[in-house]
Amino acid sequence: MSQVEIAVMWDEGADQSLGLPDYATAGAAGADLRANLPDRKDLVLQPGARALVPTGMRLAIPDGFEVQIRPRSGLALKHGITLPNAPGTIDADYRGPLGVIVMNAGDEAFVIAHGDRIAQMVVAPVLRAGFAVVEALPETTRGAGGFGSTGRS
């Protein structure tokens, strides 16, 4: 497996003892991100609410790559905690604070404590496309069918 190096800078006041993003297992595609909360105070997320949860970091992603921010499946299944813009994209030229938009789609308030694993980040290559206006598109068997046209009705 090849490796891409992501440069990380801590935000002022961030709790560096939480460590850098890390992979929970040898086969994990996503590295866990932790809540790095100001004043180390819990964040209570009411049902239906969303919040920008800081990670305390800024990244320098190499050109030709992006970082995708994705929900953690256990939080989604057990508590309804998700990321409303999943997957969120961090572009290679962004140098601001890395925050995670977290939403409580569950039925009960959810507490995010300082240091909790709140999301995972996946480093992915990026291909850029060129766009051209044409008079007609090539035909396919599917054609213009969409929104369930290939599944059960």
Protein backbone atom coordinates (compact mmCIF):
# COMPACT_ATOMS: atom_id res chain seq x y z
CA MET A 1 0.00 0.00 0.00
CA SER A 2 1.44 3.36 -0.98
CA GLN A 3 1.54 6.24 1.45
CA VAL A 4 0.96 9.97 0.97
CA GLU A 5 2.33 12.34 3.57
CA ILE A 6 -0.06 14.96 4.95
CA ALA A 7 1.62 17.84 6.79
CA VAL A 8 -0.25 18.77 9.99
CA MET A 9 -0.07 21.98 11.99
CA TRP A 10 -1.75 22.36 15.37
CA ASP A 11 -4.09 25.29 15.94
CA GLU A 12 -3.18 27.62 18.77
CA GLY A 13 -4.51 26.21 22.03
CA ALA A 14 -5.22 22.75 20.58
CA ASP A 15 -4.69 19.73 22.81
CA GLN A 16 -1.77 18.05 21.07
CA SER A 17 -1.87 15.13 23.49
CA LEU A 18 -4.86 13.77 21.51
CA GLY A 19 -2.38 12.90 18.78
CA LEU A 20 -2.58 12.92 15.03
CA PRO A 21 -5.27 11.13 13.02
CA ASP A 22 -4.62 7.41 13.17
CA TYR A 23 -5.79 4.19 11.58
CA ALA A 24 -7.51 1.84 14.05
CA THR A 25 -6.48 -1.31 12.17
CA ALA A 26 -3.93 -2.30 9.53
CA GLY A 27 -6.67 -2.56 6.88
CA ALA A 28 -8.56 0.65 7.74
CA ALA A 29 -9.15 3.06 4.85
CA GLY A 30 -10.00 5.97 7.13
CA ALA A 31 -7.95 7.60 9.87
CA ASP A 32 -9.93 8.61 12.95
CA LEU A 33 -10.40 12.29 13.75
CA ARG A 34 -10.94 13.41 17.35
CA ALA A 35 -12.94 16.28 18.79
CA ASN A 36 -10.46 18.87 20.07
CA LEU A 37 -12.87 21.05 22.02
CA PRO A 38 -12.09 24.52 23.33
CA ASP A 39 -11.73 24.53 27.12
CA ARG A 40 -12.10 20.69 26.94
CA LYS A 41 -15.86 21.11 27.63
CA ASP A 42 -18.41 18.57 26.36
CA LEU A 43 -20.61 19.51 23.43
CA VAL A 44 -24.25 18.40 23.74
CA LEU A 45 -25.91 17.85 20.38
CA GLN A 46 -29.71 17.82 20.62
CA PRO A 47 -31.79 15.72 18.17
CA GLY A 48 -31.86 17.43 14.77
CA ALA A 49 -29.03 19.81 15.70
CA ARG A 50 -25.69 20.14 13.98
CA ALA A 51 -22.39 21.67 15.04
CA LEU A 52 -18.94 22.35 13.66
CA VAL A 53 -16.62 20.25 15.81
CA PRO A 54 -12.98 21.39 15.79
CA THR A 55 -10.12 18.92 15.41
CA GLY A 56 -7.42 21.40 16.42
CA MET A 57 -5.52 20.83 13.17
CA ARG A 58 -4.76 22.32 9.80
CA LEU A 59 -3.55 20.19 6.88
CA ALA A 60 -1.32 20.60 3.85
CA ILE A 61 -2.61 18.02 1.38
CA PRO A 62 -0.37 17.33 -1.62
CA ASP A 63 -1.54 18.50 -5.04
CA GLY A 64 -3.48 15.80 -6.82
CA PHE A 65 -5.15 14.57 -3.60
CA GLU A 66 -8.09 15.43 -1.38
CA VAL A 67 -9.16 14.40 2.10
CA GLN A 68 -12.71 13.06 2.40
CA ILE A 69 -14.43 13.36 5.78
CA ARG A 70 -16.86 10.53 6.46
CA PRO A 71 -19.15 9.44 9.30
CA ARG A 72 -18.17 6.69 11.72
CA SER A 73 -20.52 3.75 11.18
CA GLY A 74 -20.84 2.86 14.87
CA LEU A 75 -21.95 6.38 15.81
CA ALA A 76 -24.42 6.40 12.93
CA LEU A 77 -25.98 3.05 13.80
CA LYS A 78 -26.04 3.36 17.58
CA HIS A 79 -26.80 7.07 18.00
CA GLY A 80 -27.85 8.54 14.64
CA ILE A 81 -24.71 10.71 14.50
CA THR A 82 -23.82 11.56 10.92
CA LEU A 83 -22.16 14.19 8.76
CA PRO A 84 -24.76 16.10 6.70
CA ASN A 85 -22.32 16.88 3.89
CA ALA A 86 -20.75 13.41 3.75
CA PRO A 87 -18.38 12.90 2.31
CA GLY A 88 -16.99 16.35 3.00
CA THR A 89 -14.05 17.33 0.84
CA ILE A 90 -10.93 19.12 2.05
CA ASP A 91 -9.16 20.52 -1.02
CA ALA A 92 -5.39 20.47 -1.45
CA ASP A 93 -5.20 24.28 -1.39
CA TYR A 94 -7.20 24.77 1.86
CA ARG A 95 -5.10 25.75 4.88
CA GLY A 96 -7.74 26.72 7.42
CA PRO A 97 -8.88 24.86 10.53
CA LEU A 98 -10.15 21.33 10.00
CA GLY A 99 -13.65 21.14 11.45
CA VAL A 100 -16.24 18.39 11.10
CA ILE A 101 -19.93 19.21 10.60
CA VAL A 102 -21.69 16.71 12.88
CA MET A 103 -25.46 16.18 12.98
CA ASN A 104 -27.62 14.30 15.45
CA ALA A 105 -30.25 12.43 13.41
CA GLY A 106 -31.09 10.34 16.47
CA ASP A 107 -33.92 10.64 18.99
CA GLU A 108 -31.87 11.61 22.04
CA ALA A 109 -29.28 14.23 22.92
CA PHE A 110 -25.72 13.06 22.20
CA VAL A 111 -22.66 14.19 24.13
CA ILE A 112 -19.39 14.73 22.26
CA ALA A 113 -16.56 14.74 24.77
CA HIS A 114 -13.11 16.18 24.24
CA GLY A 115 -11.02 13.50 22.52
CA ASP A 116 -13.95 11.46 21.16
CA ARG A 117 -13.51 9.94 17.72
CA ILE A 118 -16.08 11.83 15.65
CA ALA A 119 -15.30 11.08 12.01
CA GLN A 120 -12.77 9.47 9.73
CA MET A 121 -10.67 10.94 6.98
CA VAL A 122 -9.80 9.17 3.74
CA VAL A 123 -7.01 10.44 1.50
CA ALA A 124 -7.95 10.03 -2.16
CA PRO A 125 -6.44 10.93 -5.54
CA VAL A 126 -8.21 13.59 -7.57
CA LEU A 127 -8.71 13.61 -11.32
CA ARG A 128 -9.67 16.91 -12.94
CA ALA A 129 -12.03 16.88 -15.88
CA GLY A 130 -12.30 19.05 -18.94
CA PHE A 131 -15.80 20.03 -20.01
CA ALA A 132 -17.04 20.40 -23.58
CA VAL A 133 -20.44 21.34 -24.94
CA VAL A 134 -21.72 18.83 -27.54
CA GLU A 135 -24.86 18.60 -29.68
CA ALA A 136 -25.74 15.05 -28.55
CA LEU A 137 -24.57 12.50 -26.00
CA PRO A 138 -23.66 8.92 -26.92
CA GLU A 139 -26.57 6.48 -26.49
CA THR A 140 -26.58 3.87 -23.70
CA THR A 141 -28.91 1.03 -22.76
CA ARG A 142 -30.03 2.93 -19.66
CA GLY A 143 -30.56 6.22 -21.45
CA ALA A 144 -32.15 8.96 -19.34
CA GLY A 145 -33.58 6.59 -16.70
CA GLY A 146 -32.74 7.67 -13.19
CA PHE A 147 -33.89 7.70 -9.56
CA GLY A 148 -34.62 4.01 -9.20
CA SER A 149 -35.06 3.18 -12.87
CA THR A 150 -32.73 0.17 -12.60
CA GLY A 151 -34.15 -1.17 -9.33
CA ARG A 152 -37.52 -2.24 -8.02
CA SER A 153 -40.38 0.13 -8.59
